[in-house]
Amino acid sequence: QVQLVESGGGLVQAGGSLRLSCVASGRTFSRNGMGWFRQGPGKEREFVAAHITWNGGRTYYADSVKGRFTISRDNAKNTLYLEMNSLKPEDTAVYYCAAGSPTTMTYRLGNQYTYWGQGTQVTVSS
């Protein structure tokens, strides 16, 4: 059974930092693209960041988080990370880890990801 389990969410003040982790079990995702999405209160789910394994590994970010968030992965631990710095109240959301077959053209699309975690809450106070 494939599982993605996120952790590391919590309450932080604006300007603070958090590091999210996503541990995969049931299979290895070293050759799969993985990403982070989020859904804020009253909002639709949106793309945050992706790590695509093609051509040695490339990372992509939503404009709203570029320069503040960093996605990385440790294939030996089957774990995906999201380092979040300079957090803003508008970053408040449930953050989801996902894995699947996104490409360098489709990484923003949720339907390119087959497996999803249960989500972890991030709340940024002003």
N, C-alpha and C. Protein backbone atom coordinates (compact mmCIF):
# COMPACT_ATOMS: atom_id res chain seq x y z
N GLN A 1 0.85 -1.19 0.00
CA GLN A 1 0.00 0.00 0.00
C GLN A 1 0.89 1.25 0.00
N VAL A 2 0.64 2.11 -0.96
CA VAL A 2 1.44 3.33 -1.08
C VAL A 2 0.88 4.40 -0.15
N GLN A 3 1.77 5.02 0.60
CA GLN A 3 1.36 6.10 1.48
C GLN A 3 2.34 7.26 1.40
N LEU A 4 1.80 8.44 1.46
CA LEU A 4 2.60 9.66 1.60
C LEU A 4 2.14 10.32 2.88
N VAL A 5 3.07 10.58 3.78
CA VAL A 5 2.71 11.14 5.08
C VAL A 5 3.50 12.42 5.30
N GLU A 6 2.77 13.53 5.40
CA GLU A 6 3.40 14.83 5.62
C GLU A 6 3.53 15.10 7.12
N SER A 7 4.50 15.92 7.45
CA SER A 7 4.67 16.40 8.82
C SER A 7 5.41 17.73 8.77
N GLY A 8 5.44 18.41 9.91
CA GLY A 8 6.20 19.65 10.01
C GLY A 8 5.36 20.91 10.00
N GLY A 9 4.06 20.78 9.79
CA GLY A 9 3.21 21.95 9.82
C GLY A 9 3.06 22.49 11.23
N GLY A 10 2.44 23.66 11.33
CA GLY A 10 2.23 24.25 12.64
C GLY A 10 1.87 25.72 12.54
N LEU A 11 1.92 26.38 13.69
CA LEU A 11 1.62 27.81 13.79
C LEU A 11 2.93 28.58 13.89
N VAL A 12 3.07 29.60 13.05
CA VAL A 12 4.30 30.39 13.06
C VAL A 12 3.93 31.84 12.80
N GLN A 13 4.73 32.74 13.31
CA GLN A 13 4.50 34.16 13.06
C GLN A 13 5.01 34.55 11.68
N ALA A 14 4.44 35.60 11.15
CA ALA A 14 4.90 36.11 9.86
C ALA A 14 6.40 36.39 9.91
N GLY A 15 7.08 36.00 8.85
CA GLY A 15 8.52 36.14 8.81
C GLY A 15 9.27 34.92 9.28
N GLY A 16 8.55 33.99 9.87
CA GLY A 16 9.17 32.78 10.39
C GLY A 16 9.38 31.71 9.33
N SER A 17 9.83 30.55 9.79
CA SER A 17 10.17 29.46 8.87
C SER A 17 9.59 28.14 9.37
N LEU A 18 9.33 27.26 8.43
CA LEU A 18 8.93 25.90 8.73
C LEU A 18 9.54 24.99 7.67
N ARG A 19 9.73 23.73 8.06
CA ARG A 19 10.20 22.73 7.11
C ARG A 19 9.22 21.56 7.09
N LEU A 20 8.60 21.36 5.96
CA LEU A 20 7.69 20.23 5.81
C LEU A 20 8.44 19.02 5.27
N SER A 21 8.00 17.85 5.73
CA SER A 21 8.57 16.60 5.23
C SER A 21 7.44 15.72 4.73
N CYS A 22 7.75 14.89 3.76
CA CYS A 22 6.78 13.94 3.21
C CYS A 22 7.51 12.62 3.03
N VAL A 23 7.15 11.64 3.83
CA VAL A 23 7.78 10.33 3.76
C VAL A 23 6.89 9.39 2.95
N ALA A 24 7.47 8.78 1.94
CA ALA A 24 6.74 7.84 1.09
C ALA A 24 7.04 6.42 1.50
N SER A 25 6.03 5.58 1.47
CA SER A 25 6.21 4.16 1.78
C SER A 25 5.38 3.34 0.81
N GLY A 26 5.75 2.10 0.67
CA GLY A 26 5.02 1.21 -0.23
C GLY A 26 5.66 1.05 -1.59
N ARG A 27 6.43 2.03 -2.00
CA ARG A 27 7.20 1.97 -3.22
C ARG A 27 8.18 3.12 -3.24
N THR A 28 9.15 3.04 -4.13
CA THR A 28 10.10 4.13 -4.25
C THR A 28 9.65 5.11 -5.33
N PHE A 29 9.91 6.37 -5.10
CA PHE A 29 9.52 7.39 -6.06
C PHE A 29 10.73 8.10 -6.66
N SER A 30 11.89 7.45 -6.59
CA SER A 30 13.12 8.10 -7.03
C SER A 30 13.07 8.50 -8.50
N ARG A 31 12.26 7.82 -9.29
CA ARG A 31 12.16 8.15 -10.72
C ARG A 31 10.89 8.93 -11.05
N ASN A 32 10.15 9.30 -10.03
CA ASN A 32 8.89 10.02 -10.23
C ASN A 32 9.03 11.48 -9.88
N GLY A 33 8.22 12.28 -10.52
CA GLY A 33 8.12 13.65 -10.09
C GLY A 33 7.31 13.73 -8.81
N MET A 34 7.67 14.68 -7.96
CA MET A 34 6.94 14.90 -6.73
C MET A 34 6.72 16.39 -6.55
N GLY A 35 5.68 16.71 -5.81
CA GLY A 35 5.38 18.12 -5.66
C GLY A 35 4.64 18.43 -4.38
N TRP A 36 4.50 19.71 -4.15
CA TRP A 36 3.71 20.23 -3.03
C TRP A 36 2.60 21.12 -3.59
N PHE A 37 1.42 20.92 -3.04
CA PHE A 37 0.27 21.76 -3.34
C PHE A 37 -0.28 22.28 -2.03
N ARG A 38 -1.13 23.29 -2.10
CA ARG A 38 -1.76 23.79 -0.88
C ARG A 38 -3.17 24.26 -1.17
N GLN A 39 -3.97 24.25 -0.12
CA GLN A 39 -5.34 24.75 -0.23
C GLN A 39 -5.63 25.61 0.97
N GLY A 40 -5.79 26.91 0.71
CA GLY A 40 -6.10 27.85 1.76
C GLY A 40 -7.58 27.88 2.06
N PRO A 41 -7.99 28.50 3.17
CA PRO A 41 -9.41 28.57 3.53
C PRO A 41 -10.23 29.27 2.45
N GLY A 42 -11.23 28.58 1.96
CA GLY A 42 -12.09 29.16 0.96
C GLY A 42 -11.46 29.26 -0.42
N LYS A 43 -10.33 28.61 -0.61
CA LYS A 43 -9.63 28.70 -1.90
C LYS A 43 -9.53 27.33 -2.55
N GLU A 44 -9.24 27.33 -3.84
CA GLU A 44 -8.99 26.09 -4.54
C GLU A 44 -7.55 25.62 -4.27
N ARG A 45 -7.33 24.35 -4.47
CA ARG A 45 -5.98 23.82 -4.34
C ARG A 45 -5.08 24.46 -5.40
N GLU A 46 -3.86 24.80 -5.00
CA GLU A 46 -2.94 25.42 -5.95
C GLU A 46 -1.56 24.79 -5.86
N PHE A 47 -0.87 24.85 -6.96
CA PHE A 47 0.49 24.35 -7.05
C PHE A 47 1.43 25.22 -6.24
N VAL A 48 2.39 24.59 -5.56
CA VAL A 48 3.39 25.33 -4.81
C VAL A 48 4.79 25.10 -5.38
N ALA A 49 5.20 23.83 -5.47
CA ALA A 49 6.56 23.52 -5.94
C ALA A 49 6.59 22.09 -6.44
N ALA A 50 7.53 21.83 -7.35
CA ALA A 50 7.68 20.48 -7.89
C ALA A 50 9.15 20.16 -8.10
N HIS A 51 9.46 18.88 -7.99
CA HIS A 51 10.80 18.39 -8.30
C HIS A 51 10.62 17.30 -9.36
N ILE A 52 11.13 17.58 -10.54
CA ILE A 52 11.00 16.66 -11.67
C ILE A 52 12.35 15.99 -11.89
N THR A 53 12.36 14.66 -12.01
CA THR A 53 13.62 13.93 -12.05
C THR A 53 14.29 13.96 -13.41
N TRP A 54 13.59 14.38 -14.43
CA TRP A 54 14.15 14.39 -15.78
C TRP A 54 15.38 15.27 -15.85
N ASN A 55 16.40 14.80 -16.60
CA ASN A 55 17.60 15.59 -16.86
C ASN A 55 18.32 15.99 -15.59
N GLY A 56 18.46 15.07 -14.67
CA GLY A 56 19.22 15.32 -13.46
C GLY A 56 18.45 15.98 -12.34
N GLY A 57 17.23 16.32 -12.61
CA GLY A 57 16.42 16.90 -11.55
C GLY A 57 16.25 18.41 -11.70
N ARG A 58 15.02 18.82 -11.81
CA ARG A 58 14.73 20.25 -11.93
C ARG A 58 13.65 20.62 -10.93
N THR A 59 13.71 21.84 -10.45
CA THR A 59 12.71 22.32 -9.50
C THR A 59 11.93 23.48 -10.10
N TYR A 60 10.68 23.55 -9.71
CA TYR A 60 9.78 24.59 -10.21
C TYR A 60 8.97 25.14 -9.05
N TYR A 61 8.64 26.43 -9.12
CA TYR A 61 7.92 27.07 -8.03
C TYR A 61 6.81 27.96 -8.57
N ALA A 62 5.78 28.09 -7.76
CA ALA A 62 4.76 29.10 -8.04
C ALA A 62 5.40 30.47 -7.82
N ASP A 63 4.96 31.45 -8.58
CA ASP A 63 5.52 32.79 -8.45
C ASP A 63 5.37 33.33 -7.02
N SER A 64 4.30 32.95 -6.36
CA SER A 64 4.02 33.49 -5.03
C SER A 64 5.01 33.00 -3.96
N VAL A 65 5.74 31.92 -4.25
CA VAL A 65 6.66 31.38 -3.24
C VAL A 65 8.11 31.41 -3.71
N LYS A 66 8.34 31.78 -4.95
CA LYS A 66 9.68 31.78 -5.51
C LYS A 66 10.60 32.68 -4.69
N GLY A 67 11.76 32.16 -4.34
CA GLY A 67 12.72 32.92 -3.55
C GLY A 67 12.53 32.75 -2.05
N ARG A 68 11.40 32.17 -1.64
CA ARG A 68 11.14 31.96 -0.20
C ARG A 68 11.08 30.49 0.15
N PHE A 69 10.58 29.66 -0.77
CA PHE A 69 10.44 28.22 -0.52
C PHE A 69 11.47 27.46 -1.33
N THR A 70 11.91 26.31 -0.77
CA THR A 70 12.84 25.44 -1.47
C THR A 70 12.37 24.00 -1.35
N ILE A 71 12.21 23.35 -2.50
CA ILE A 71 11.84 21.94 -2.51
C ILE A 71 13.09 21.10 -2.71
N SER A 72 13.15 19.99 -2.00
CA SER A 72 14.28 19.08 -2.15
C SER A 72 13.82 17.67 -1.84
N ARG A 73 14.64 16.70 -2.20
CA ARG A 73 14.27 15.32 -1.92
C ARG A 73 15.50 14.51 -1.56
N ASP A 74 15.29 13.51 -0.74
CA ASP A 74 16.33 12.56 -0.37
C ASP A 74 15.83 11.19 -0.80
N ASN A 75 16.30 10.73 -1.95
CA ASN A 75 15.80 9.46 -2.48
C ASN A 75 16.16 8.28 -1.60
N ALA A 76 17.28 8.37 -0.91
CA ALA A 76 17.69 7.27 -0.03
C ALA A 76 16.68 7.10 1.11
N LYS A 77 16.06 8.20 1.51
CA LYS A 77 15.06 8.16 2.58
C LYS A 77 13.64 8.19 2.04
N ASN A 78 13.51 8.24 0.70
CA ASN A 78 12.19 8.31 0.08
C ASN A 78 11.38 9.46 0.66
N THR A 79 12.02 10.59 0.82
CA THR A 79 11.43 11.74 1.50
C THR A 79 11.56 13.00 0.67
N LEU A 80 10.48 13.76 0.66
CA LEU A 80 10.41 15.06 -0.01
C LEU A 80 10.31 16.14 1.06
N TYR A 81 10.97 17.26 0.82
CA TYR A 81 10.97 18.36 1.80
C TYR A 81 10.48 19.65 1.14
N LEU A 82 9.98 20.54 1.98
CA LEU A 82 9.67 21.90 1.55
C LEU A 82 10.13 22.84 2.66
N GLU A 83 11.20 23.55 2.38
CA GLU A 83 11.71 24.54 3.32
C GLU A 83 11.00 25.85 3.02
N MET A 84 10.34 26.42 4.03
CA MET A 84 9.55 27.62 3.83
C MET A 84 10.10 28.73 4.72
N ASN A 85 10.57 29.80 4.11
CA ASN A 85 11.11 30.94 4.83
C ASN A 85 10.29 32.19 4.54
N SER A 86 10.48 33.20 5.37
CA SER A 86 9.79 34.49 5.20
C SER A 86 8.30 34.27 5.00
N LEU A 87 7.73 33.46 5.85
CA LEU A 87 6.31 33.10 5.70
C LEU A 87 5.40 34.31 5.88
N LYS A 88 4.32 34.29 5.12
CA LYS A 88 3.33 35.37 5.13
C LYS A 88 1.98 34.80 5.54
N PRO A 89 1.09 35.63 6.06
CA PRO A 89 -0.24 35.13 6.42
C PRO A 89 -0.95 34.46 5.23
N GLU A 90 -0.70 34.94 4.04
CA GLU A 90 -1.35 34.34 2.86
C GLU A 90 -0.80 32.96 2.52
N ASP A 91 0.25 32.51 3.21
CA ASP A 91 0.75 31.15 3.03
C ASP A 91 -0.05 30.15 3.87
N THR A 92 -0.95 30.66 4.71
CA THR A 92 -1.78 29.78 5.54
C THR A 92 -2.60 28.85 4.65
N ALA A 93 -2.46 27.55 4.90
CA ALA A 93 -3.14 26.56 4.06
C ALA A 93 -2.84 25.16 4.60
N VAL A 94 -3.57 24.20 4.07
CA VAL A 94 -3.20 22.80 4.25
C VAL A 94 -2.27 22.46 3.09
N TYR A 95 -1.12 21.93 3.42
CA TYR A 95 -0.11 21.61 2.41
C TYR A 95 -0.12 20.10 2.15
N TYR A 96 -0.16 19.75 0.87
CA TYR A 96 -0.22 18.36 0.45
C TYR A 96 1.01 17.98 -0.36
N CYS A 97 1.51 16.80 -0.08
CA CYS A 97 2.57 16.20 -0.86
C CYS A 97 1.94 15.30 -1.91
N ALA A 98 2.55 15.24 -3.08
CA ALA A 98 1.99 14.42 -4.16
C ALA A 98 3.11 13.80 -4.98
N ALA A 99 2.82 12.66 -5.56
CA ALA A 99 3.80 11.97 -6.40
C ALA A 99 3.09 11.38 -7.61
N GLY A 100 3.78 11.36 -8.73
CA GLY A 100 3.15 10.81 -9.93
C GLY A 100 4.06 10.92 -11.12
N SER A 101 3.48 11.30 -12.25
CA SER A 101 4.24 11.38 -13.49
C SER A 101 4.16 12.74 -14.16
N PRO A 102 4.35 13.80 -13.39
CA PRO A 102 4.33 15.12 -14.03
C PRO A 102 5.57 15.31 -14.90
N THR A 103 5.44 16.10 -15.91
CA THR A 103 6.57 16.42 -16.76
C THR A 103 6.96 17.87 -16.54
N THR A 104 7.98 18.29 -17.28
CA THR A 104 8.42 19.69 -17.17
C THR A 104 7.38 20.64 -17.74
N MET A 105 6.36 20.09 -18.42
CA MET A 105 5.30 20.92 -18.96
C MET A 105 4.03 20.86 -18.13
N THR A 106 3.85 19.78 -17.35
CA THR A 106 2.57 19.56 -16.67
C THR A 106 2.66 19.56 -15.16
N TYR A 107 3.76 19.96 -14.59
CA TYR A 107 3.98 19.84 -13.16
C TYR A 107 2.99 20.63 -12.32
N ARG A 108 2.36 21.64 -12.91
CA ARG A 108 1.41 22.46 -12.14
C ARG A 108 0.04 21.80 -11.99
N LEU A 109 -0.19 20.75 -12.75
CA LEU A 109 -1.52 20.15 -12.81
C LEU A 109 -1.67 19.03 -11.79
N GLY A 110 -2.66 19.16 -10.94
CA GLY A 110 -2.88 18.14 -9.92
C GLY A 110 -3.20 16.78 -10.47
N ASN A 111 -3.82 16.73 -11.65
CA ASN A 111 -4.20 15.44 -12.22
C ASN A 111 -3.00 14.65 -12.76
N GLN A 112 -1.81 15.24 -12.71
CA GLN A 112 -0.61 14.53 -13.12
C GLN A 112 0.00 13.72 -11.97
N TYR A 113 -0.56 13.88 -10.79
CA TYR A 113 -0.05 13.22 -9.60
C TYR A 113 -1.04 12.14 -9.16
N THR A 114 -0.55 10.94 -9.00
CA THR A 114 -1.40 9.81 -8.66
C THR A 114 -1.59 9.63 -7.16
N TYR A 115 -0.56 9.91 -6.42
CA TYR A 115 -0.57 9.66 -4.97
C TYR A 115 -0.53 10.98 -4.21
N TRP A 116 -1.33 11.04 -3.13
CA TRP A 116 -1.44 12.26 -2.34
C TRP A 116 -1.36 11.92 -0.86
N GLY A 117 -0.77 12.82 -0.10
CA GLY A 117 -0.77 12.69 1.34
C GLY A 117 -2.05 13.25 1.93
N GLN A 118 -2.16 13.16 3.25
CA GLN A 118 -3.38 13.61 3.92
C GLN A 118 -3.35 15.11 4.23
N GLY A 119 -2.19 15.71 4.11
CA GLY A 119 -2.07 17.14 4.32
C GLY A 119 -1.57 17.50 5.72
N THR A 120 -0.92 18.64 5.80
CA THR A 120 -0.47 19.17 7.09
C THR A 120 -0.79 20.66 7.13
N GLN A 121 -1.33 21.13 8.24
CA GLN A 121 -1.79 22.51 8.35
C GLN A 121 -0.63 23.44 8.65
N VAL A 122 -0.55 24.52 7.90
CA VAL A 122 0.40 25.60 8.15
C VAL A 122 -0.42 26.86 8.39
N THR A 123 -0.20 27.48 9.55
CA THR A 123 -0.90 28.71 9.89
C THR A 123 0.13 29.79 10.21
N VAL A 124 0.03 30.90 9.49
CA VAL A 124 0.96 32.01 9.68
C VAL A 124 0.19 33.18 10.25
N SER A 125 0.55 33.61 11.43
CA SER A 125 -0.13 34.73 12.09
C SER A 125 0.57 36.04 11.77
N SER A 126 -0.22 37.09 11.71
CA SER A 126 0.34 38.41 11.37
C SER A 126 0.81 39.15 12.61
